[in-house]
Amino acid sequence: MVSSPTLKRGALILLIAAVAAGAFKFATRPKPVSVVVVTVDAGRVETTVANTRAGSVAACRRAKVAPPAAGRIARLPVKKGQRVKTGELLLELWNDDVVARENLTREQLATARSRVNEACQLAVASQSEARQARQLRDKGFVSEERVVRAEAQAKSGQASCESARIQVREAEARIAAAMADTQRTALRAPFDGIVAEINGELGEYLTPSPPGIPTLPAVDLIDDSCLYVTAPIDEVDAARLKVGMHGRISLDAYRGKHFDGHVRRIAPYVLALEKQARTVEVEVEFDDPQGAADNALLVGYSADIEVVTETRDKVMRMPTAALMPGNKALLLGADGILEERRIETGLSNWEYTEIRSGLGAGDKVVTSFDRDGVKAGARAEVETKPK
């Protein structure tokens, strides 16, 4: 029989060997991979439609204006960047000749009105003489011939009075025509706005655009009190949009900032540009024009739009960045082991995806798929940010 001390020594050796093997296995096991995780929670999820190519900020009213007449620039009271009011003079051509003709027609009107007073007073006097001649004829003091001449003179006087009145109307019409000629040499602001561009200097000759041959406008006027973004939307997504839908506007000039807006127009046709996808132009107007003005948004800024087509509140969601191909997610279990989990999704956008089944509130899912060793079955630990 084996003695008791020998059995104890053997058991001790086996225990030491087991401890050593466990320690070796623990020491040589792979280190846990560091992962970035996000937590599944309840909140809002939206389905959105975004533009396919960059859009741009535009003004609701923009006029590239020029005087209808040709001539030399005599007055240029505004400068680039200046704000103007409706009717304010922007540019005036040399117009001494048309102004002189307008003054002449005004003098002619004054003369015509004086002629009316003279002719009509003579007509009244002739009518009075004719009336007296008829009375004297009835009493036998004058002949019938005298009465006929007096009545004819009265009718002639009345005709002269009417002719003089017509000459006054003609003079007034000539004044209106002369004023129109004068106004053709002056360019005034059709609305309140800011002068974006002036193409011309004092003394230069300005020529209107011939038909079919566009030329630079004399003044480019922008009403920046109302701004919107126009951007192309893929024809596949455009059918889901309606006027009035809520949208968000982002601009390269203001990264990280969004502006609320709404769809104001959907083009009634599809653009089919060569070598490009077919798109529909969509316009999204800023909900807060004053806020846009306070941020000094400029017409022509590149911009992107995101139109919300459907919204659900208080649903399970996770960041879309945690969604793997095939509607799968990599779940970090309580034991530190990564587990691949298939999920059923609902609404989704670039930020959040609705989870209908497969995950619950509080589950931690991985977003750092690009790191080495991040796969199902691997040991992992949550990356801690340096303090």
Protein backbone atom coordinates (compact mmCIF):
# COMPACT_ATOMS: atom_id res chain seq x y z
CA MET A 1 0.00 0.00 0.00
CA VAL A 2 1.04 3.57 -0.76
CA SER A 3 1.76 5.54 2.31
CA SER A 4 -0.28 8.60 3.22
CA PRO A 5 2.68 11.05 2.84
CA THR A 6 3.25 9.79 -0.71
CA LEU A 7 -0.41 10.40 -1.61
CA LYS A 8 -0.26 13.89 -0.21
CA ARG A 9 2.88 14.64 -2.19
CA GLY A 10 1.28 13.40 -5.40
CA ALA A 11 -1.89 15.47 -4.85
CA LEU A 12 0.22 18.53 -4.15
CA ILE A 13 2.21 18.02 -7.35
CA LEU A 14 -1.00 17.66 -9.36
CA LEU A 15 -2.44 20.82 -7.78
CA ILE A 16 0.71 22.78 -8.55
CA ALA A 17 0.68 21.50 -12.15
CA ALA A 18 -2.97 22.50 -12.58
CA VAL A 19 -2.37 25.97 -11.14
CA ALA A 20 0.70 26.38 -13.38
CA ALA A 21 -1.24 25.29 -16.46
CA GLY A 22 -4.06 27.68 -15.62
CA ALA A 23 -1.64 30.50 -15.02
CA PHE A 24 0.11 29.77 -18.33
CA LYS A 25 -3.18 29.68 -20.20
CA PHE A 26 -4.29 32.96 -18.56
CA ALA A 27 -0.96 34.60 -19.33
CA THR A 28 -0.91 33.48 -22.95
CA ARG A 29 -4.56 34.12 -23.81
CA PRO A 30 -5.23 36.91 -26.39
CA LYS A 31 -5.77 40.36 -24.95
CA PRO A 32 -9.32 41.72 -25.30
CA VAL A 33 -9.80 44.05 -28.29
CA SER A 34 -10.75 47.64 -27.58
CA VAL A 35 -14.09 48.58 -29.12
CA VAL A 36 -16.34 51.61 -29.35
CA VAL A 37 -19.92 50.86 -28.38
CA VAL A 38 -23.25 52.66 -28.35
CA THR A 39 -26.30 51.89 -26.26
CA VAL A 40 -29.68 50.92 -27.66
CA ASP A 41 -32.37 53.30 -26.36
CA ALA A 42 -35.82 54.66 -27.13
CA GLY A 43 -36.31 57.81 -29.16
CA ARG A 44 -37.31 59.31 -32.49
CA VAL A 45 -36.42 57.78 -35.85
CA GLU A 46 -37.03 59.49 -39.17
CA THR A 47 -36.97 58.47 -42.79
CA THR A 48 -35.35 61.15 -44.87
CA VAL A 49 -34.54 61.94 -48.48
CA ALA A 50 -31.35 63.80 -49.31
CA ASN A 51 -30.00 65.48 -52.42
CA THR A 52 -27.75 63.57 -54.81
CA ARG A 53 -25.50 66.52 -55.63
CA ALA A 54 -24.75 69.73 -53.79
CA GLY A 55 -27.43 72.39 -53.98
CA SER A 56 -27.09 76.12 -53.49
CA VAL A 57 -28.68 78.98 -51.57
CA ALA A 58 -30.89 81.19 -53.73
CA ALA A 59 -33.02 84.30 -53.15
CA CYS A 60 -36.78 84.25 -53.59
CA ARG A 61 -36.43 87.42 -55.68
CA ARG A 62 -33.43 88.30 -57.79
CA ALA A 63 -33.51 90.74 -60.68
CA LYS A 64 -30.78 91.33 -63.21
CA VAL A 65 -31.99 94.67 -64.51
CA ALA A 66 -30.96 97.19 -67.15
CA PRO A 67 -32.60 100.33 -68.57
CA PRO A 68 -34.59 99.69 -71.77
CA ALA A 69 -32.78 102.51 -73.58
CA ALA A 70 -29.17 102.76 -74.66
CA GLY A 71 -26.97 105.65 -73.64
CA ARG A 72 -24.06 106.96 -71.64
CA ILE A 73 -24.14 106.49 -67.86
CA ALA A 74 -24.54 109.92 -66.28
CA ARG A 75 -25.42 108.98 -62.68
CA LEU A 76 -24.54 105.93 -60.61
CA PRO A 77 -25.64 106.73 -57.03
CA VAL A 78 -25.33 103.16 -55.63
CA LYS A 79 -22.40 100.85 -54.94
CA LYS A 80 -21.93 97.09 -54.69
CA GLY A 81 -23.22 95.73 -51.40
CA GLN A 82 -25.47 98.75 -50.78
CA ARG A 83 -29.04 98.18 -49.58
CA VAL A 84 -31.74 100.00 -51.53
CA LYS A 85 -35.48 100.55 -51.19
CA THR A 86 -38.20 100.02 -53.78
CA GLY A 87 -38.14 102.84 -56.34
CA GLU A 88 -34.67 104.08 -55.39
CA LEU A 89 -32.55 105.26 -58.32
CA LEU A 90 -29.87 102.74 -59.28
CA LEU A 91 -28.57 104.23 -62.52
CA GLU A 92 -29.41 107.05 -64.90
CA LEU A 93 -28.34 107.60 -68.51
CA TRP A 94 -27.61 111.01 -70.06
CA ASN A 95 -31.07 112.37 -70.81
CA ASP A 96 -30.79 116.17 -71.24
CA ASP A 97 -32.52 115.94 -74.62
CA VAL A 98 -35.55 113.98 -73.40
CA VAL A 99 -35.83 116.14 -70.28
CA ALA A 100 -35.84 119.23 -72.52
CA ARG A 101 -38.60 117.71 -74.65
CA GLU A 102 -40.58 116.95 -71.51
CA ASN A 103 -40.21 120.57 -70.35
CA LEU A 104 -41.31 121.74 -73.82
CA THR A 105 -44.46 119.65 -73.67
CA ARG A 106 -45.26 121.10 -70.27
CA GLU A 107 -45.00 124.61 -71.67
CA GLN A 108 -47.20 123.56 -74.58
CA LEU A 109 -49.75 122.29 -72.09
CA ALA A 110 -49.78 125.65 -70.31
CA THR A 111 -50.31 127.39 -73.66
CA ALA A 112 -53.13 125.00 -74.58
CA ARG A 113 -54.88 125.65 -71.29
CA SER A 114 -54.66 129.40 -71.86
CA ARG A 115 -56.14 128.87 -75.33
CA VAL A 116 -59.04 126.99 -73.75
CA ASN A 117 -59.85 129.95 -71.49
CA GLU A 118 -59.74 132.36 -74.42
CA ALA A 119 -61.73 130.25 -76.88
CA CYS A 120 -64.39 129.20 -74.42
CA GLN A 121 -64.94 132.74 -73.14
CA LEU A 122 -65.38 133.95 -76.75
CA ALA A 123 -67.83 131.09 -77.30
CA VAL A 124 -69.88 132.21 -74.28
CA ALA A 125 -69.91 135.79 -75.59
CA SER A 126 -71.00 134.61 -79.08
CA GLN A 127 -73.85 132.60 -77.61
CA SER A 128 -74.99 135.65 -75.65
CA GLU A 129 -74.93 137.81 -78.82
CA ALA A 130 -76.89 135.20 -80.73
CA ARG A 131 -79.52 135.10 -77.97
CA GLN A 132 -79.84 138.93 -78.04
CA ALA A 133 -80.09 138.92 -81.86
CA ARG A 134 -83.02 136.50 -81.69
CA GLN A 135 -84.77 138.71 -79.16
CA LEU A 136 -84.27 141.81 -81.33
CA ARG A 137 -85.49 139.93 -84.40
CA ASP A 138 -88.67 138.97 -82.57
CA LYS A 139 -89.27 142.66 -81.86
CA GLY A 140 -88.48 143.60 -85.48
CA PHE A 141 -85.31 145.58 -84.79
CA VAL A 142 -82.88 143.34 -86.75
CA SER A 143 -83.16 141.23 -89.84
CA GLU A 144 -83.14 137.45 -90.08
CA GLU A 145 -79.75 137.59 -91.78
CA ARG A 146 -78.24 139.18 -88.68
CA VAL A 147 -79.59 136.39 -86.53
CA VAL A 148 -78.19 133.73 -88.85
CA ARG A 149 -74.71 135.30 -88.71
CA ALA A 150 -74.84 135.58 -84.88
CA GLU A 151 -75.86 131.93 -84.47
CA ALA A 152 -73.16 130.78 -86.88
CA GLN A 153 -70.58 132.78 -84.95
CA ALA A 154 -71.79 131.21 -81.67
CA LYS A 155 -71.47 127.69 -83.12
CA SER A 156 -67.99 128.50 -84.43
CA GLY A 157 -66.96 129.78 -81.01
CA GLN A 158 -68.23 126.61 -79.34
CA ALA A 159 -66.29 124.50 -81.84
CA SER A 160 -63.13 126.51 -81.12
CA CYS A 161 -63.64 125.92 -77.40
CA GLU A 162 -63.95 122.14 -77.93
CA SER A 163 -60.90 122.17 -80.22
CA ALA A 164 -58.89 123.94 -77.54
CA ARG A 165 -59.90 121.35 -74.95
CA ILE A 166 -58.76 118.58 -77.31
CA GLN A 167 -55.44 120.36 -77.70
CA VAL A 168 -55.06 120.28 -73.90
CA ARG A 169 -55.60 116.50 -73.89
CA GLU A 170 -53.09 116.15 -76.69
CA ALA A 171 -50.57 118.18 -74.71
CA GLU A 172 -51.16 115.99 -71.65
CA ALA A 173 -50.60 112.88 -73.77
CA ARG A 174 -47.37 114.35 -75.13
CA ILE A 175 -46.23 114.99 -71.56
CA ALA A 176 -46.96 111.34 -70.65
CA ALA A 177 -44.98 110.19 -73.68
CA ALA A 178 -42.10 112.52 -72.80
CA MET A 179 -42.12 111.29 -69.19
CA ALA A 180 -42.02 107.69 -70.43
CA ASP A 181 -38.98 108.56 -72.56
CA THR A 182 -37.34 110.11 -69.52
CA GLN A 183 -38.14 107.09 -67.35
CA ARG A 184 -36.54 104.82 -69.96
CA THR A 185 -33.21 106.43 -69.11
CA ALA A 186 -33.54 105.81 -65.36
CA LEU A 187 -33.19 102.44 -63.65
CA ARG A 188 -34.98 102.10 -60.30
CA ALA A 189 -35.10 99.26 -57.76
CA PRO A 190 -38.15 97.01 -58.35
CA PHE A 191 -38.00 95.81 -54.70
CA ASP A 192 -36.04 96.23 -51.48
CA GLY A 193 -32.73 94.44 -51.69
CA ILE A 194 -28.97 94.53 -51.87
CA VAL A 195 -26.93 95.50 -54.93
CA ALA A 196 -24.88 92.41 -55.75
CA GLU A 197 -23.23 93.55 -58.99
CA ILE A 198 -22.85 96.66 -61.14
CA ASN A 199 -21.62 96.30 -64.70
CA GLY A 200 -20.74 99.80 -65.80
CA GLU A 201 -19.01 102.99 -64.76
CA LEU A 202 -19.75 106.68 -65.12
CA GLY A 203 -19.29 107.78 -68.72
CA GLU A 204 -19.50 104.28 -70.18
CA TYR A 205 -22.00 103.55 -72.93
CA LEU A 206 -24.68 101.06 -71.98
CA THR A 207 -26.42 98.96 -74.63
CA PRO A 208 -29.47 96.73 -73.94
CA SER A 209 -29.22 93.06 -74.89
CA PRO A 210 -30.27 92.37 -78.49
CA PRO A 211 -32.95 89.65 -78.85
CA GLY A 212 -31.39 86.24 -78.32
CA ILE A 213 -27.97 87.63 -77.35
CA PRO A 214 -27.64 87.84 -73.54
CA THR A 215 -25.28 90.44 -72.11
CA LEU A 216 -24.31 91.32 -68.55
CA PRO A 217 -27.06 93.15 -66.64
CA ALA A 218 -26.43 96.72 -65.57
CA VAL A 219 -27.36 95.91 -61.96
CA ASP A 220 -27.90 92.58 -60.18
CA LEU A 221 -30.35 93.13 -57.30
CA ILE A 222 -31.01 90.47 -54.64
CA ASP A 223 -33.82 90.36 -52.09
CA ASP A 224 -32.09 88.45 -49.28
CA SER A 225 -35.04 88.73 -46.88
CA CYS A 226 -36.30 85.42 -48.28
CA LEU A 227 -33.83 82.60 -48.97
CA TYR A 228 -34.21 78.98 -50.01
CA VAL A 229 -32.05 76.08 -51.14
CA THR A 230 -32.47 74.41 -54.49
CA ALA A 231 -30.99 70.93 -54.86
CA PRO A 232 -31.43 67.84 -57.07
CA ILE A 233 -33.22 64.79 -55.64
CA ASP A 234 -33.02 61.39 -57.34
CA GLU A 235 -36.17 60.60 -59.32
CA VAL A 236 -36.65 57.41 -57.25
CA ASP A 237 -36.96 59.44 -54.03
CA ALA A 238 -38.77 62.47 -55.48
CA ALA A 239 -42.12 60.65 -55.64
CA ARG A 240 -42.14 60.46 -51.81
CA LEU A 241 -41.93 64.22 -51.38
CA LYS A 242 -44.77 66.70 -50.93
CA VAL A 243 -44.86 70.47 -50.67
CA GLY A 244 -44.83 71.56 -47.02
CA MET A 245 -42.77 68.63 -45.68
CA HIS A 246 -40.24 69.48 -42.97
CA GLY A 247 -36.62 69.65 -44.04
CA ARG A 248 -33.19 70.39 -42.63
CA ILE A 249 -30.60 72.50 -44.40
CA SER A 250 -26.85 72.18 -43.87
CA LEU A 251 -24.19 74.40 -45.39
CA ASP A 252 -20.49 73.85 -45.91
CA ALA A 253 -19.89 77.34 -44.56
CA TYR A 254 -21.54 76.42 -41.22
CA ARG A 255 -20.42 72.88 -40.52
CA GLY A 256 -22.22 71.16 -37.67
CA LYS A 257 -25.16 73.56 -37.82
CA HIS A 258 -28.58 72.84 -39.29
CA PHE A 259 -31.37 75.20 -40.32
CA ASP A 260 -35.04 74.19 -40.28
CA GLY A 261 -37.04 74.59 -43.45
CA HIS A 262 -39.93 73.26 -45.50
CA VAL A 263 -40.40 72.14 -49.08
CA ARG A 264 -41.74 75.08 -51.08
CA ARG A 265 -41.57 73.65 -54.59
CA ILE A 266 -41.03 70.38 -56.42
CA ALA A 267 -40.18 70.80 -60.09
CA PRO A 268 -42.88 69.33 -62.39
CA TYR A 269 -40.29 67.71 -64.66
CA VAL A 270 -37.19 65.50 -64.48
CA LEU A 271 -33.71 66.70 -65.41
CA ALA A 272 -31.91 64.25 -67.67
CA LEU A 273 -28.35 65.55 -67.86
CA GLU A 274 -25.82 63.61 -69.88
CA LYS A 275 -23.88 60.96 -67.90
CA GLN A 276 -25.77 61.83 -64.73
CA ALA A 277 -28.71 60.28 -62.89
CA ARG A 278 -32.16 61.67 -63.59
CA THR A 279 -33.10 64.11 -60.85
CA VAL A 280 -35.87 66.48 -59.78
CA GLU A 281 -35.11 69.98 -58.55
CA VAL A 282 -36.53 70.54 -55.05
CA GLU A 283 -36.63 73.87 -53.21
CA VAL A 284 -36.53 74.06 -49.40
CA GLU A 285 -37.24 77.47 -47.85
CA PHE A 286 -35.79 78.59 -44.51
CA ASP A 287 -38.42 78.63 -41.73
CA ASP A 288 -36.63 81.46 -39.94
CA PRO A 289 -35.52 84.08 -42.50
CA GLN A 290 -34.30 86.35 -39.71
CA GLY A 291 -32.13 83.58 -38.31
CA ALA A 292 -30.69 83.00 -41.77
CA ALA A 293 -30.01 86.71 -42.09
CA ASP A 294 -28.33 86.81 -38.66
CA ASN A 295 -25.96 84.09 -39.85
CA ALA A 296 -25.09 86.19 -42.89
CA LEU A 297 -26.03 83.50 -45.38
CA LEU A 298 -24.94 84.43 -48.87
CA VAL A 299 -26.72 83.63 -52.10
CA GLY A 300 -24.69 80.99 -53.89
CA TYR A 301 -23.47 79.10 -50.79
CA SER A 302 -23.33 75.34 -51.41
CA ALA A 303 -25.94 73.53 -49.35
CA ASP A 304 -27.52 70.14 -48.73
CA ILE A 305 -31.11 69.34 -47.88
CA GLU A 306 -32.66 66.49 -45.94
CA VAL A 307 -36.45 66.14 -46.19
CA VAL A 308 -38.28 64.16 -43.51
CA THR A 309 -40.86 61.85 -45.12
CA GLU A 310 -41.89 59.75 -42.07
CA THR A 311 -41.35 59.96 -38.30
CA ARG A 312 -41.82 57.58 -35.38
CA ASP A 313 -41.37 58.53 -31.72
CA LYS A 314 -40.44 56.43 -28.68
CA VAL A 315 -39.22 53.39 -30.60
CA MET A 316 -36.12 51.25 -29.96
CA ARG A 317 -33.26 52.61 -31.99
CA MET A 318 -29.53 52.44 -32.45
CA PRO A 319 -27.10 54.57 -34.41
CA THR A 320 -27.02 53.49 -38.05
CA ALA A 321 -23.23 53.32 -37.81
CA ALA A 322 -23.68 50.14 -35.69
CA LEU A 323 -25.66 48.32 -38.39
CA MET A 324 -23.75 45.60 -40.27
CA PRO A 325 -24.58 44.22 -43.73
CA GLY A 326 -27.47 41.76 -43.66
CA ASN A 327 -29.22 43.63 -40.82
CA LYS A 328 -26.83 42.36 -38.19
CA ALA A 329 -25.23 43.94 -35.14
CA LEU A 330 -22.24 43.01 -33.00
CA LEU A 331 -23.39 42.88 -29.38
CA LEU A 332 -20.98 43.19 -26.45
CA GLY A 333 -22.25 40.73 -23.83
CA ALA A 334 -21.97 41.07 -20.07
CA ASP A 335 -19.16 38.47 -20.15
CA GLY A 336 -17.12 40.64 -22.53
CA ILE A 337 -17.63 38.33 -25.53
CA LEU A 338 -18.77 39.78 -28.88
CA GLU A 339 -21.91 38.16 -30.27
CA GLU A 340 -23.35 38.62 -33.75
CA ARG A 341 -27.06 39.30 -33.53
CA ARG A 342 -29.55 39.42 -36.42
CA ILE A 343 -32.12 42.20 -36.00
CA GLU A 344 -35.32 43.32 -37.67
CA THR A 345 -35.19 46.99 -38.66
CA GLY A 346 -37.84 49.61 -39.41
CA LEU A 347 -37.36 53.26 -40.31
CA SER A 348 -33.81 54.32 -40.94
CA ASN A 349 -31.68 57.31 -41.86
CA TRP A 350 -27.99 58.15 -41.76
CA GLU A 351 -28.19 58.79 -37.97
CA TYR A 352 -30.57 56.24 -36.43
CA THR A 353 -32.21 52.93 -37.34
CA GLU A 354 -35.40 51.60 -35.75
CA ILE A 355 -35.07 48.16 -34.07
CA ARG A 356 -38.23 46.03 -34.14
CA SER A 357 -36.67 42.88 -32.70
CA GLY A 358 -33.28 41.36 -31.88
CA LEU A 359 -32.04 43.98 -29.39
CA GLY A 360 -33.40 45.62 -26.29
CA ALA A 361 -32.94 48.83 -24.35
CA GLY A 362 -29.53 49.04 -22.73
CA ASP A 363 -27.78 46.60 -25.09
CA LYS A 364 -24.35 47.73 -26.19
CA VAL A 365 -23.53 47.39 -29.89
CA VAL A 366 -20.16 47.92 -31.56
CA THR A 367 -19.46 50.67 -34.11
CA SER A 368 -15.68 50.16 -34.57
CA PHE A 369 -15.84 47.30 -37.12
CA ASP A 370 -12.66 48.40 -38.89
CA ARG A 371 -10.36 47.40 -36.01
CA ASP A 372 -8.34 44.18 -36.06
CA GLY A 373 -9.84 41.30 -34.14
CA VAL A 374 -13.33 42.76 -33.89
CA LYS A 375 -15.54 39.79 -34.74
CA ALA A 376 -18.06 37.46 -33.18
CA GLY A 377 -16.60 35.34 -30.38
CA ALA A 378 -13.74 37.72 -29.60
CA ARG A 379 -13.15 39.07 -26.13
CA ALA A 380 -13.57 42.84 -26.02
CA GLU A 381 -13.55 45.75 -23.67
CA VAL A 382 -15.06 49.20 -24.03
CA GLU A 383 -12.59 51.82 -25.10
CA THR A 384 -12.13 54.50 -22.49
CA LYS A 385 -11.47 58.02 -23.57
CA PRO A 386 -8.29 59.58 -22.17
CA LYS A 387 -8.91 62.17 -19.53
